[in-house]
Protein backbone atom coordinates (compact mmCIF):
# COMPACT_ATOMS: atom_id res chain seq x y z
CA MET A 1 177.51 42.36 7.69
CA SER A 2 174.56 40.44 9.17
CA GLN A 3 172.05 42.06 11.51
CA PHE A 4 173.26 39.82 14.34
CA ALA A 5 176.86 40.95 13.82
CA ILE A 6 175.79 44.61 13.81
CA ASN A 7 173.77 44.09 17.02
CA LEU A 8 176.75 42.37 18.61
CA LEU A 9 179.02 45.23 17.58
CA PHE A 10 176.80 47.95 19.09
CA VAL A 11 175.95 46.04 22.26
CA GLY A 12 179.52 44.78 22.73
CA ALA A 13 180.97 48.27 22.29
CA SER A 14 178.55 49.70 24.86
CA PHE A 15 179.39 46.92 27.34
CA ALA A 16 183.10 47.54 26.91
CA LEU A 17 182.48 51.25 27.58
CA TYR A 18 180.46 50.59 30.75
CA ILE A 19 182.91 48.09 32.21
CA GLY A 20 185.87 50.33 31.27
CA ILE A 21 184.27 53.24 33.12
CA ALA A 22 183.61 51.02 36.13
CA ILE A 23 187.27 50.01 36.27
CA TRP A 24 188.40 53.63 35.86
CA ALA A 25 186.01 54.85 38.58
CA ARG A 26 186.42 51.89 40.93
CA ALA A 27 185.24 52.79 44.44
CA GLY A 28 188.10 52.98 46.93
CA SER A 29 186.11 54.03 49.99
CA THR A 30 182.59 53.79 51.36
CA LYS A 31 182.07 57.46 50.42
CA ASP A 32 183.00 56.63 46.81
CA PHE A 33 180.77 53.56 46.92
CA TYR A 34 177.70 55.30 48.38
CA VAL A 35 177.86 58.91 47.07
CA ALA A 36 180.67 58.96 44.45
CA GLY A 37 182.83 61.04 46.79
CA GLY A 38 180.23 63.84 46.93
CA GLY A 39 181.83 65.89 44.15
CA VAL A 40 179.76 65.19 41.01
CA HIS A 41 179.00 68.19 38.75
CA PRO A 42 175.25 69.12 38.59
CA VAL A 43 175.00 68.59 34.81
CA THR A 44 176.75 65.23 35.08
CA ASN A 45 174.53 64.28 37.99
CA GLY A 46 171.42 65.45 36.11
CA MET A 47 172.29 63.20 33.18
CA ALA A 48 173.07 60.26 35.48
CA THR A 49 169.81 60.87 37.39
CA ALA A 50 167.86 60.87 34.12
CA ALA A 51 169.41 57.53 33.14
CA ASP A 52 168.85 56.16 36.64
CA TRP A 53 165.20 57.18 36.52
CA MET A 54 164.37 56.39 32.86
CA SER A 55 164.40 52.66 33.21
CA ALA A 56 163.43 49.80 30.94
CA ALA A 57 159.87 50.78 31.77
CA SER A 58 160.39 54.20 30.18
CA PHE A 59 162.48 53.08 27.21
CA ILE A 60 161.00 49.70 26.40
CA SER A 61 157.60 49.37 27.99
CA MET A 62 155.97 52.80 28.28
CA ALA A 63 155.59 53.35 24.54
CA GLY A 64 154.30 49.77 24.27
CA LEU A 65 151.63 50.52 26.86
CA LEU A 66 150.75 53.76 25.07
CA ALA A 67 150.60 51.78 21.82
CA SER A 68 148.20 49.22 23.27
CA GLY A 69 146.08 51.48 25.50
CA GLY A 70 146.33 54.96 24.01
CA TYR A 71 145.10 57.82 26.19
CA ALA A 72 144.05 55.41 28.94
CA ASN A 73 147.72 54.59 29.58
CA SER A 74 148.91 58.20 29.51
CA SER A 75 148.81 58.05 33.32
CA PHE A 76 152.27 56.45 33.18
CA LEU A 77 153.60 59.54 31.42
CA MET A 78 151.85 62.05 33.68
CA GLY A 79 152.53 60.24 36.94
CA TRP A 80 156.24 59.64 36.45
CA THR A 81 156.90 63.18 35.23
CA GLY A 82 154.76 64.86 37.90
CA GLY A 83 156.39 62.78 40.60
CA TYR A 84 159.82 63.88 39.52
CA VAL A 85 158.76 67.53 39.93
CA ILE A 86 157.59 66.75 43.50
CA LEU A 87 160.91 65.05 44.20
CA ALA A 88 162.91 67.97 42.81
CA MET A 89 160.97 70.69 44.64
CA LEU A 90 159.87 69.15 47.95
CA LEU A 91 162.43 66.49 48.82
CA ALA A 92 165.82 66.66 47.09
CA PRO A 93 167.23 69.94 48.50
CA TYR A 94 166.05 69.23 52.04
CA LEU A 95 167.41 65.71 52.11
CA ARG A 96 170.67 67.03 50.70
CA LYS A 97 170.81 69.54 53.57
CA PHE A 98 170.48 66.66 56.02
CA GLY A 99 173.66 65.25 54.51
CA LYS A 100 173.38 61.50 55.08
CA PHE A 101 174.12 58.61 52.73
CA THR A 102 170.71 56.96 52.51
CA VAL A 103 166.95 57.31 52.95
CA PRO A 104 166.86 55.01 56.04
CA ASP A 105 169.63 57.22 57.48
CA PHE A 106 167.33 60.23 57.29
CA ILE A 107 164.30 58.38 58.65
CA GLY A 108 166.29 56.73 61.45
CA ASP A 109 167.82 60.00 62.66
CA ARG A 110 164.80 62.25 62.06
CA PHE A 111 162.50 59.90 63.96
CA TYR A 112 165.23 59.07 66.52
CA SER A 113 164.42 55.38 66.33
CA LYS A 114 166.14 52.15 65.33
CA ALA A 115 162.69 50.70 64.68
CA ALA A 116 161.94 53.47 62.18
CA ARG A 117 165.28 52.84 60.46
CA LEU A 118 164.58 49.09 60.29
CA VAL A 119 161.09 49.60 58.85
CA ALA A 120 162.55 52.05 56.29
CA VAL A 121 165.14 49.44 55.28
CA ILE A 122 162.38 46.84 54.80
CA CYS A 123 160.24 49.26 52.76
CA LEU A 124 163.24 50.23 50.63
CA ILE A 125 164.20 46.62 49.92
CA VAL A 126 160.64 45.54 49.05
CA ALA A 127 160.10 48.51 46.69
CA SER A 128 163.55 48.28 45.09
CA VAL A 129 163.45 44.51 44.54
CA THR A 130 160.01 44.84 42.91
CA TYR A 131 161.40 47.63 40.71
CA VAL A 132 164.44 45.55 39.72
CA ILE A 133 162.11 42.78 38.52
CA GLY A 134 160.85 45.19 35.86
CA GLN A 135 164.39 46.06 34.80
CA MET A 136 165.42 42.43 34.49
CA THR A 137 162.23 41.72 32.52
CA GLY A 138 163.03 44.56 30.11
CA ALA A 139 166.68 43.56 29.81
CA GLY A 140 165.64 40.00 29.07
CA VAL A 141 163.39 41.21 26.24
CA ALA A 142 166.22 43.27 24.72
CA PHE A 143 168.93 40.63 25.07
CA SER A 144 166.75 37.78 23.83
CA ARG A 145 165.99 39.51 20.54
CA PHE A 146 169.23 41.23 19.69
CA LEU A 147 171.63 38.54 20.87
CA GLU A 148 169.28 35.88 19.47
CA VAL A 149 168.99 33.90 22.70
CA SER A 150 166.01 32.84 24.79
CA ASN A 151 164.37 35.30 27.15
CA THR A 152 165.75 33.30 30.10
CA TRP A 153 169.33 33.54 28.85
CA GLY A 154 168.79 37.24 28.15
CA ILE A 155 167.99 37.88 31.80
CA TRP A 156 171.03 35.91 33.01
CA ILE A 157 173.33 37.85 30.66
CA ALA A 158 171.89 41.14 31.95
CA ALA A 159 172.53 40.02 35.53
CA ALA A 160 176.16 39.21 34.74
CA ILE A 161 176.82 42.61 33.16
CA VAL A 162 175.22 44.52 36.06
CA PHE A 163 177.25 42.45 38.49
CA LEU A 164 180.52 43.39 36.78
CA TYR A 165 180.14 47.16 36.79
CA ALA A 166 177.82 47.81 39.77
CA VAL A 167 179.37 45.54 42.37
CA PHE A 168 182.90 46.85 41.81
CA GLY A 169 182.26 50.48 40.89
CA GLY A 170 179.62 51.43 43.45
CA MET A 171 178.04 54.88 43.08
CA LYS A 172 181.21 56.35 41.58
CA GLY A 173 181.32 53.78 38.80
CA ILE A 174 177.55 53.82 38.37
CA THR A 175 177.41 57.64 38.04
CA TYR A 176 179.78 57.87 35.10
CA THR A 177 178.44 54.68 33.56
CA GLN A 178 174.94 56.15 33.69
CA VAL A 179 176.12 59.29 31.87
CA ALA A 180 177.32 57.06 29.04
CA GLN A 181 174.11 55.03 29.20
CA TYR A 182 171.96 58.16 28.97
CA ILE A 183 173.78 59.29 25.83
CA VAL A 184 173.35 55.84 24.29
CA LEU A 185 169.68 55.46 25.21
CA ILE A 186 168.54 58.96 24.14
CA ILE A 187 170.26 58.66 20.75
CA ALA A 188 168.87 55.16 20.33
CA TYR A 189 165.33 56.28 21.20
CA THR A 190 165.33 59.48 19.14
CA ILE A 191 166.87 58.40 15.83
CA PRO A 192 164.35 55.59 15.05
CA ALA A 193 161.52 57.91 16.13
CA VAL A 194 162.72 60.58 13.67
CA PHE A 195 162.94 58.02 10.85
CA ILE A 196 159.47 56.62 11.54
CA ALA A 197 157.82 60.02 11.97
CA PHE A 198 159.27 61.17 8.64
CA GLN A 199 158.27 57.90 6.98
CA LEU A 200 154.65 58.09 8.16
CA THR A 201 153.98 61.83 8.07
CA GLY A 202 156.84 63.61 6.31
CA ASN A 203 157.55 65.47 9.59
CA PRO A 204 160.87 64.44 11.18
CA ILE A 205 160.00 65.76 14.66
CA PRO A 206 158.11 62.87 16.35
CA MET A 207 156.01 64.93 18.78
CA PHE A 208 154.82 67.13 15.89
CA GLY A 209 154.50 64.18 13.51
CA MET A 210 151.94 62.58 15.82
CA PHE A 211 149.61 65.52 15.05
CA SER A 212 150.51 65.70 11.36
CA THR A 213 148.86 64.16 8.30
CA HIS A 214 149.37 60.46 7.66
CA SER A 215 151.05 60.39 4.24
CA GLU A 216 149.44 57.25 2.82
CA SER A 217 145.83 58.03 3.76
CA GLY A 218 145.88 61.84 3.71
CA VAL A 219 144.11 62.16 7.09
CA PRO A 220 145.61 63.15 10.49
CA LEU A 221 147.70 60.32 11.91
CA LEU A 222 145.68 59.98 15.14
CA GLN A 223 142.43 59.97 13.15
CA LYS A 224 143.80 57.21 10.94
CA LEU A 225 144.89 55.25 13.97
CA ASN A 226 141.43 55.59 15.53
CA GLU A 227 139.84 54.31 12.31
CA VAL A 228 142.08 51.25 12.24
CA VAL A 229 141.73 50.24 15.91
CA VAL A 230 137.95 50.80 15.93
CA ALA A 231 137.65 48.63 12.81
CA LEU A 232 139.43 45.89 14.75
CA GLY A 233 136.98 46.13 17.66
CA PHE A 234 139.17 48.15 20.02
CA GLN A 235 138.27 51.37 21.81
CA ASP A 236 139.26 54.66 20.15
CA TYR A 237 142.97 55.27 20.69
CA THR A 238 142.23 58.79 21.98
CA ALA A 239 139.05 57.85 23.91
CA ASP A 240 138.55 59.02 27.48
CA VAL A 241 138.47 56.53 30.37
CA ASP A 242 135.33 55.51 32.25
CA ASN A 243 136.90 54.99 35.68
CA LYS A 244 138.25 58.47 36.49
CA LEU A 245 138.86 57.54 40.16
CA ASN A 246 141.22 54.72 39.22
CA MET A 247 143.06 56.91 36.70
CA VAL A 248 143.53 59.73 39.23
CA LEU A 249 144.70 57.32 41.95
CA PHE A 250 147.04 55.57 39.52
CA THR A 251 148.58 58.89 38.48
CA LEU A 252 148.95 59.92 42.14
CA SER A 253 150.44 56.54 42.99
CA LEU A 254 153.12 56.96 40.34
CA MET A 255 153.77 60.55 41.47
CA VAL A 256 154.29 59.80 45.17
CA GLY A 257 156.15 56.61 44.26
CA THR A 258 158.55 58.54 42.06
CA ALA A 259 159.19 61.01 44.89
CA GLY A 260 159.79 58.14 47.32
CA LEU A 261 162.19 56.10 45.21
CA PRO A 262 165.44 55.71 47.17
CA HIS A 263 167.73 55.04 44.20
CA VAL A 264 166.88 58.47 42.74
CA ILE A 265 166.98 60.31 46.08
CA ILE A 266 170.51 59.12 46.88
CA ARG A 267 171.73 60.72 43.65
CA PHE A 268 171.25 64.13 45.25
CA PHE A 269 173.82 63.26 47.93
CA THR A 270 176.54 63.01 45.26
CA VAL A 271 176.80 66.78 44.58
CA PRO A 272 178.82 69.24 46.69
CA LYS A 273 176.10 71.74 47.72
CA VAL A 274 172.33 72.15 48.15
CA ALA A 275 172.24 74.56 45.19
CA ASP A 276 173.87 71.82 43.10
CA ALA A 277 171.08 69.44 44.14
CA ARG A 278 168.52 71.92 42.79
CA TRP A 279 170.45 72.37 39.54
CA SER A 280 170.85 68.59 39.22
CA ALA A 281 167.08 68.19 39.50
CA GLY A 282 166.50 70.85 36.84
CA TRP A 283 168.99 69.36 34.40
CA ALA A 284 167.59 65.87 34.96
CA LEU A 285 164.11 67.14 34.05
CA VAL A 286 165.48 68.57 30.79
CA PHE A 287 167.17 65.28 29.92
CA ILE A 288 164.07 63.28 30.86
CA ALA A 289 161.82 65.52 28.74
CA LEU A 290 163.77 64.62 25.59
CA LEU A 291 162.50 61.05 25.84
CA TYR A 292 159.11 61.67 27.44
CA LEU A 293 157.99 64.14 24.78
CA THR A 294 158.85 61.53 22.14
CA ALA A 295 157.23 58.47 23.78
CA PRO A 296 153.56 59.22 22.87
CA ALA A 297 154.55 59.61 19.21
CA VAL A 298 156.52 56.36 19.26
CA GLY A 299 153.58 54.52 20.85
CA SER A 300 150.95 55.77 18.41
CA MET A 301 153.15 55.19 15.36
CA ALA A 302 154.09 51.70 16.58
CA ARG A 303 150.42 50.77 16.95
CA LEU A 304 149.60 52.04 13.45
CA ASN A 305 152.63 50.31 11.93
CA LEU A 306 151.77 46.99 13.56
CA SER A 307 148.11 47.12 12.53
CA THR A 308 148.83 48.05 8.92
CA THR A 309 151.50 45.37 8.73
CA ILE A 310 148.85 42.75 9.52
CA TYR A 311 146.20 44.47 7.36
CA PRO A 312 148.12 46.28 4.55
CA GLU A 313 144.95 47.55 2.83
CA MET A 314 143.97 49.45 5.99
CA ALA A 315 146.89 51.86 5.52
CA GLY A 316 145.32 53.94 2.76
CA GLN A 317 141.82 55.34 2.25
CA VAL A 318 139.41 52.53 3.13
CA GLU A 319 135.90 52.40 1.65
CA ASP A 320 135.10 48.74 2.32
CA VAL A 321 136.47 47.97 5.81
CA GLU A 322 135.47 44.28 5.82
CA SER A 323 137.19 43.68 2.51
CA ALA A 324 140.35 45.36 3.81
CA LEU A 325 140.28 43.24 6.97
CA GLN A 326 139.95 40.03 4.97
CA SER A 327 143.18 40.83 3.14
CA SER A 328 145.34 40.20 6.20
CA ILE A 329 148.79 38.77 5.51
CA GLN A 330 149.05 35.08 4.74
CA HIS A 331 150.86 32.65 6.97
CA GLY A 332 150.14 29.32 5.36
CA GLU A 333 149.47 25.92 6.84
CA ILE A 334 150.72 25.20 10.36
CA THR A 335 152.16 21.72 10.76
CA THR A 336 153.95 21.86 14.12
CA THR A 337 152.62 23.52 17.27
CA ASP A 338 153.28 23.57 21.00
CA ALA A 339 150.88 22.19 23.60
CA ALA A 340 148.76 25.38 23.51
CA GLY A 341 148.42 25.26 19.73
CA TYR A 342 150.88 28.06 18.94
CA ALA A 343 153.09 27.66 15.89
CA LEU A 344 156.67 26.77 16.71
CA ALA A 345 159.24 29.42 15.81
CA SER A 346 160.59 27.22 13.01
CA GLU A 347 157.18 27.46 11.29
CA TRP A 348 157.52 31.21 10.77
CA THR A 349 160.55 30.88 8.49
CA ASP A 350 158.62 28.78 5.96
CA HIS A 351 156.18 31.52 4.93
CA PRO A 352 157.70 34.36 2.88
CA ASP A 353 154.58 36.57 3.21
CA VAL A 354 155.25 36.95 6.94
CA PRO A 355 157.51 39.99 7.57
CA GLU A 356 161.06 39.18 8.59
CA TRP A 357 160.74 41.06 11.89
CA MET A 358 157.95 38.68 12.97
CA VAL A 359 160.15 35.70 12.14
CA THR A 360 163.02 36.99 14.26
CA TRP A 361 160.82 38.01 17.21
CA ALA A 362 158.93 34.69 17.09
CA GLU A 363 162.19 33.00 18.07
CA THR A 364 162.14 34.88 21.39
CA GLY A 365 158.64 33.66 22.21
CA LEU A 366 157.40 37.24 22.58
CA ILE A 367 155.26 36.98 19.43
CA LYS A 368 152.97 33.97 19.10
CA PHE A 369 150.56 32.84 16.37
CA ARG A 370 147.97 30.10 16.11
CA ASP A 371 145.66 29.59 13.15
CA LEU A 372 142.35 29.11 14.95
CA ASN A 373 140.19 29.02 11.80
CA ASN A 374 142.74 27.27 9.56
CA ASP A 375 142.48 29.88 6.79
CA GLY A 376 146.23 30.39 6.41
CA ARG A 377 145.97 34.09 7.34
CA ILE A 378 146.82 36.06 10.48
CA GLN A 379 143.95 37.82 12.26
CA MET A 380 144.65 40.25 15.11
CA TYR A 381 141.70 42.00 16.76
CA ASN A 382 139.83 42.54 20.03
CA ASP A 383 138.51 39.16 21.14
CA SER A 384 135.46 40.79 22.70
CA ALA A 385 134.34 41.90 19.23
CA ASP A 386 132.27 39.52 17.06
CA PHE A 387 133.81 38.84 13.64
CA SER A 388 132.28 35.37 13.25
CA HIS A 389 130.57 36.47 10.02
CA LEU A 390 134.06 36.77 8.52
CA GLY A 391 134.93 33.26 9.64
CA TRP A 392 137.21 34.47 12.44
CA GLU A 393 137.32 32.38 15.61
CA GLY A 394 139.50 34.60 17.80
CA SER A 395 142.56 36.82 17.63
CA GLU A 396 145.44 34.68 16.44
CA LEU A 397 148.44 36.91 17.09
CA GLU A 398 149.84 37.69 20.56
CA VAL A 399 152.38 40.50 20.72
CA ASN A 400 154.13 41.31 24.01
CA ASN A 401 153.80 45.05 24.75
CA ASP A 402 157.45 45.24 25.76
CA ILE A 403 158.70 44.59 22.22
CA MET A 404 157.00 47.54 20.51
CA VAL A 405 159.84 50.07 20.81
CA LEU A 406 162.53 47.50 20.09
CA ALA A 407 160.68 46.08 17.08
CA ASN A 408 159.62 49.47 15.68
CA PRO A 409 162.71 49.99 13.48
CA GLU A 410 162.28 46.52 11.98
CA ILE A 411 158.54 47.02 11.41
CA ALA A 412 159.37 50.25 9.55
CA ASN A 413 162.23 48.61 7.58
CA LEU A 414 164.86 51.01 8.91
CA PRO A 415 168.59 50.44 8.25
CA ALA A 416 170.38 47.67 10.13
CA TRP A 417 172.57 50.10 12.09
CA VAL A 418 169.44 51.74 13.56
CA ILE A 419 168.28 48.36 14.85
CA GLY A 420 171.73 47.79 16.39
CA LEU A 421 171.58 51.23 18.01
CA ILE A 422 168.20 50.65 19.62
CA ALA A 423 169.45 47.29 20.88
CA ALA A 424 172.22 49.07 22.77
CA GLY A 425 169.77 51.74 23.97
CA GLY A 426 167.19 49.33 25.33
CA ILE A 427 169.82 47.38 27.20
CA ALA A 428 171.39 50.61 28.55
CA ALA A 429 168.01 51.76 29.90
CA ALA A 430 167.44 48.52 31.78
CA LEU A 431 170.96 48.24 33.15
CA SER A 432 171.29 51.88 34.29
CA THR A 433 168.27 51.74 36.59
CA ALA A 434 169.01 48.21 37.76
CA ALA A 435 172.44 49.37 38.91
CA GLY A 436 171.01 52.32 40.87
CA LEU A 437 168.39 50.13 42.54
CA LEU A 438 170.93 47.49 43.48
CA LEU A 439 173.14 50.15 45.03
CA ALA A 440 170.19 51.41 47.10
CA ILE A 441 169.51 47.85 48.29
CA SER A 442 173.14 47.11 49.14
CA SER A 443 173.66 50.42 50.99
CA ALA A 444 170.48 49.81 53.01
CA ILE A 445 171.76 46.38 54.08
CA SER A 446 175.45 47.17 54.60
CA HIS A 447 175.23 50.73 55.95
CA ASP A 448 171.80 51.05 57.59
CA LEU A 449 171.35 47.50 58.82
CA ILE A 450 174.82 46.06 59.44
CA LYS A 451 176.94 49.13 60.31
CA THR A 452 174.31 51.25 62.05
CA MET A 453 172.26 48.60 63.85
CA ILE A 454 174.11 45.26 64.05
CA ASN A 455 177.86 45.97 64.12
CA PRO A 456 178.77 49.67 64.53
CA ASN A 457 182.46 48.76 64.86
CA ILE A 458 182.72 47.12 61.44
CA SER A 459 185.73 48.35 59.46
CA GLU A 460 185.36 50.31 56.23
CA LYS A 461 186.79 47.33 54.34
CA GLY A 462 184.25 45.03 56.00
CA GLU A 463 181.39 47.40 55.19
CA MET A 464 182.48 47.54 51.52
CA LEU A 465 182.58 43.72 51.41
CA ALA A 466 179.10 43.52 52.98
CA ALA A 467 177.80 46.04 50.43
CA ARG A 468 179.16 44.03 47.52
CA ILE A 469 177.88 40.70 48.86
CA SER A 470 174.40 42.12 49.48
CA MET A 471 174.36 43.61 45.98
CA ALA A 472 175.31 40.24 44.48
CA GLY A 473 172.53 38.58 46.50
CA ALA A 474 170.05 41.20 45.30
CA ILE A 475 171.07 40.57 41.69
CA LEU A 476 170.39 36.84 42.07
CA LEU A 477 166.99 37.47 43.68
CA ALA A 478 166.03 40.00 41.01
CA THR A 479 167.11 37.61 38.27
CA TYR A 480 164.95 34.81 39.68
CA LEU A 481 161.92 37.10 39.98
CA GLY A 482 162.64 38.58 36.53
CA LEU A 483 162.17 35.09 35.09
CA ASN A 484 158.65 35.03 36.58
CA PRO A 485 157.48 38.66 36.51
CA PRO A 486 153.99 39.73 37.67
CA GLY A 487 153.37 41.77 34.51
CA PHE A 488 154.94 43.78 31.71
CA ALA A 489 158.02 45.79 32.66
CA ALA A 490 156.07 49.04 33.14
CA GLN A 491 153.32 47.30 35.12
CA THR A 492 155.84 45.70 37.47
CA VAL A 493 157.57 49.05 37.90
CA ALA A 494 154.19 50.67 38.69
CA LEU A 495 153.78 48.19 41.56
CA ALA A 496 157.18 49.23 42.93
CA PHE A 497 156.20 52.89 42.72
CA GLY A 498 153.01 52.14 44.62
CA ILE A 499 154.94 50.38 47.38
CA ALA A 500 157.49 53.21 47.68
CA GLY A 501 154.74 55.84 47.59
CA ALA A 502 152.67 54.14 50.28
CA SER A 503 155.57 53.55 52.67
CA LEU A 504 158.57 55.88 52.23
CA PHE A 505 157.14 59.05 50.64
CA PRO A 506 154.84 60.03 53.55
CA ALA A 507 157.65 59.44 56.08
CA LEU A 508 160.01 61.67 54.09
CA MET A 509 157.42 64.43 53.69
CA MET A 510 156.39 64.37 57.36
CA GLY A 511 160.03 64.18 58.41
CA ILE A 512 160.78 67.41 56.56
CA PHE A 513 157.60 69.45 56.98
CA SER A 514 156.14 68.37 60.35
CA LYS A 515 157.83 68.88 63.71
CA ARG A 516 154.97 67.10 65.49
CA VAL A 517 155.22 63.63 63.92
CA ASN A 518 157.20 61.40 66.27
CA ASN A 519 158.88 58.00 66.08
CA LYS A 520 155.77 56.02 67.02
CA GLY A 521 153.66 57.78 64.41
CA ALA A 522 156.26 57.31 61.66
CA VAL A 523 156.67 53.58 62.36
CA ALA A 524 152.91 52.99 62.56
CA GLY A 525 152.33 54.97 59.35
CA MET A 526 155.02 53.19 57.34
CA LEU A 527 153.88 49.75 58.45
CA THR A 528 150.24 50.60 57.71
CA GLY A 529 151.02 51.89 54.21
CA LEU A 530 153.33 48.99 53.37
CA ILE A 531 151.14 46.18 54.72
CA LEU A 532 147.87 47.51 53.25
CA THR A 533 149.43 48.03 49.82
CA LEU A 534 151.14 44.62 49.76
CA LEU A 535 147.98 42.82 50.89
CA TYR A 536 145.96 44.50 48.15
CA ILE A 537 148.59 43.73 45.49
CA PHE A 538 149.07 40.11 46.59
CA THR A 539 145.29 39.54 46.65
CA TYR A 540 145.14 40.05 42.89
CA LEU A 541 148.69 39.23 41.70
CA GLY A 542 149.56 36.34 43.99
CA TRP A 543 151.52 36.10 47.23
CA PHE A 544 155.03 37.39 46.56
CA PHE A 545 154.01 37.37 42.87
CA ILE A 546 153.95 33.55 42.78
CA PRO A 547 151.59 32.55 39.92
CA GLY A 548 148.36 30.88 41.00
CA THR A 549 148.40 32.13 44.60
CA ASN A 550 146.13 35.15 44.05
CA MET A 551 142.88 35.11 46.05
CA LEU A 552 140.82 37.03 43.48
CA PRO A 553 141.10 37.37 39.68
CA ASN A 554 142.83 40.61 38.67
CA THR A 555 139.83 42.04 36.81
CA PRO A 556 138.01 45.40 37.27
CA ASP A 557 134.81 43.76 38.54
CA ASN A 558 136.78 42.29 41.49
CA TRP A 559 138.63 45.49 42.45
CA ILE A 560 137.40 47.42 45.50
CA LEU A 561 135.67 50.60 44.20
CA GLY A 562 137.30 49.86 40.85
CA ILE A 563 140.79 50.57 42.23
CA SER A 564 143.49 48.58 40.41
CA PRO A 565 146.41 47.02 42.35
CA LEU A 566 148.62 49.38 40.33
CA SER A 567 146.71 52.36 41.75
CA PHE A 568 146.53 51.36 45.39
CA GLY A 569 149.82 53.02 46.38
CA ALA A 570 148.03 56.40 46.61
CA VAL A 571 145.44 54.89 48.98
CA GLY A 572 148.23 53.33 51.05
CA ALA A 573 149.95 56.73 51.27
CA ILE A 574 146.74 58.38 52.53
CA PHE A 575 146.43 55.75 55.27
CA ASN A 576 150.12 56.21 56.10
CA PHE A 577 149.66 59.97 56.62
CA ALA A 578 146.44 59.49 58.60
CA VAL A 579 147.82 56.84 60.96
CA ALA A 580 151.10 58.72 61.51
CA PHE A 581 149.37 61.97 62.44
CA THR A 582 146.79 60.21 64.63
CA VAL A 583 149.35 58.16 66.58
CA SER A 584 151.67 61.17 66.94
CA SER A 585 148.87 63.36 68.27
CA MET A 586 148.06 60.76 70.93
CA THR A 587 151.66 60.34 72.09
CA GLU A 588 154.47 62.61 73.28
CA GLU A 589 156.05 65.33 71.13
CA PRO A 590 159.46 64.68 69.56
CA PRO A 591 162.47 65.90 71.61
CA GLN A 592 163.35 69.59 71.20
CA GLU A 593 166.62 68.81 69.40
CA ILE A 594 164.66 66.87 66.76
CA GLN A 595 162.26 69.77 66.30
CA ASP A 596 165.26 72.09 65.92
CA LEU A 597 166.72 69.65 63.37
CA VAL A 598 163.51 69.76 61.31
CA GLU A 599 163.57 73.55 61.46
CA SER A 600 167.15 73.67 60.20
CA VAL A 601 166.53 71.17 57.38
CA ARG A 602 163.65 73.30 56.09
CA TYR A 603 166.03 76.13 55.27
CA PRO A 604 168.58 74.29 53.14
CA LYS A 605 171.48 76.77 53.11
CA GLY A 606 175.04 75.92 53.74
CA ALA A 607 174.87 72.12 53.77
CA GLY A 608 178.16 70.35 53.82
CA GLY A 609 179.10 67.07 52.22
CA ALA A 610 177.25 63.82 52.76
CA VAL A 611 178.53 62.39 55.98
CA ASP A 612 178.50 59.02 57.68
CA HIS A 613 177.42 59.47 61.31
């Protein structure tokens, strides 16, 4: 059976499972659609939450970023995990006690203001749509390779699948689909990692293999990796970062963004009791840890595998580094190129020395090669390094970070069924989070905007129709933006976290833990955090992420105090808190019943089911 047929079998079987579950769990009421009826078991909800939270950025892109940046990119790992702990301890049980369907519901009622609810809806939509871009980008990468279509078609196929099971199933369908998706993605992530760890180090446990001895060279794997990347002009893989402020702010931005993400928060409304919300959070952390403890090993091993594929003599003990570098794999003469000078995909098939995985990934456009010095060999190195004495005129190979996890089994020559499995896993990761985000967007529009603010007398059937139409519209918007993303999947997701952290997280925290913050303070704080963060992001990444509309180049020397657009969410959150407290202190106190409400929410005992007020 061909690799394509195996991929089709695994991916097709997973799709059939997801759509079957959606039909079985079809939402029959708004309560089913928004909170799955409120009766989900904590373990089930923990697994669904893990799948909802571990997106394409976690499965596909995070290990790729760790592979390319090493320790410097470990902020992704620390920020996302730390943020989940904040969410589990400081937000989930209290919001569950409040007992509403959505985040804007809480903000609207706690701050007794339609304006606050409207601003929360806007913040939620902006953050969620930005997040969905990352999921569609990741899904496009997975579909394009494993279904052997273009990246564009990959994104459209992903949109169609999400539409089928999310629009009809709502939260009830999504919950049980996400359980299946978690099982698929964790098996798909772990099995290749075990194979590769054993292949490179003889230790089958990836997180231990990363600190074991590299079999071919006889030195510790991370030491070997450092030797290889330094030889190619890159910084040590384990080197510290120079800009500690940016790293701290980036980690904080991811943490507060994680805690402010509406699609994860609404999962805690699906369980019967507050205690179940706590248990759900604990189980989700266990399920998340299975992947997050493995990701650093996958990233480091992927980087070493890629480098030693290009330079085979660098894999063993190397006495003459320059000689080993000059033995890079041969490509041969390039006869047909695109306008930028890159070899057309058809060129790759004519050179048997090029590994088969490069040939197949070249067809997606996510690996590109151009022979700048016409020597018939592939050179891949840091362009800022000077290798002119070797006749090199620039790095000739471009590898998209988002392919590293998906290509890893092929780079390591693992069995065909493993490649099919990781295809299904990568697609499951992207689709599970996309579905949760789309539900958050649709509930914000149909429930918080239409039912609560525009047409309170709308029927349940009408509200369900509005929810499904708004979800379909969100899918189309996300698909369009996914075709023109502002960065790699994980980078785009980091922007979404920054937006959520700067706008929604402070309002949620102040709503729970401060009786003094009033409606005027909350609205002013949210608008300040949102507008400041968006202005900073758009300055460097373009207005509404449209290419070519940025006002300054997105380079460290142009950043204010060296703060990256990805890190600015933490700064936006600080301004949000400061403005909210300042405005509140200068205006009247909240009504006594609101202060009593805050007091009751702080002691989350005896909460009933999620209700629609």
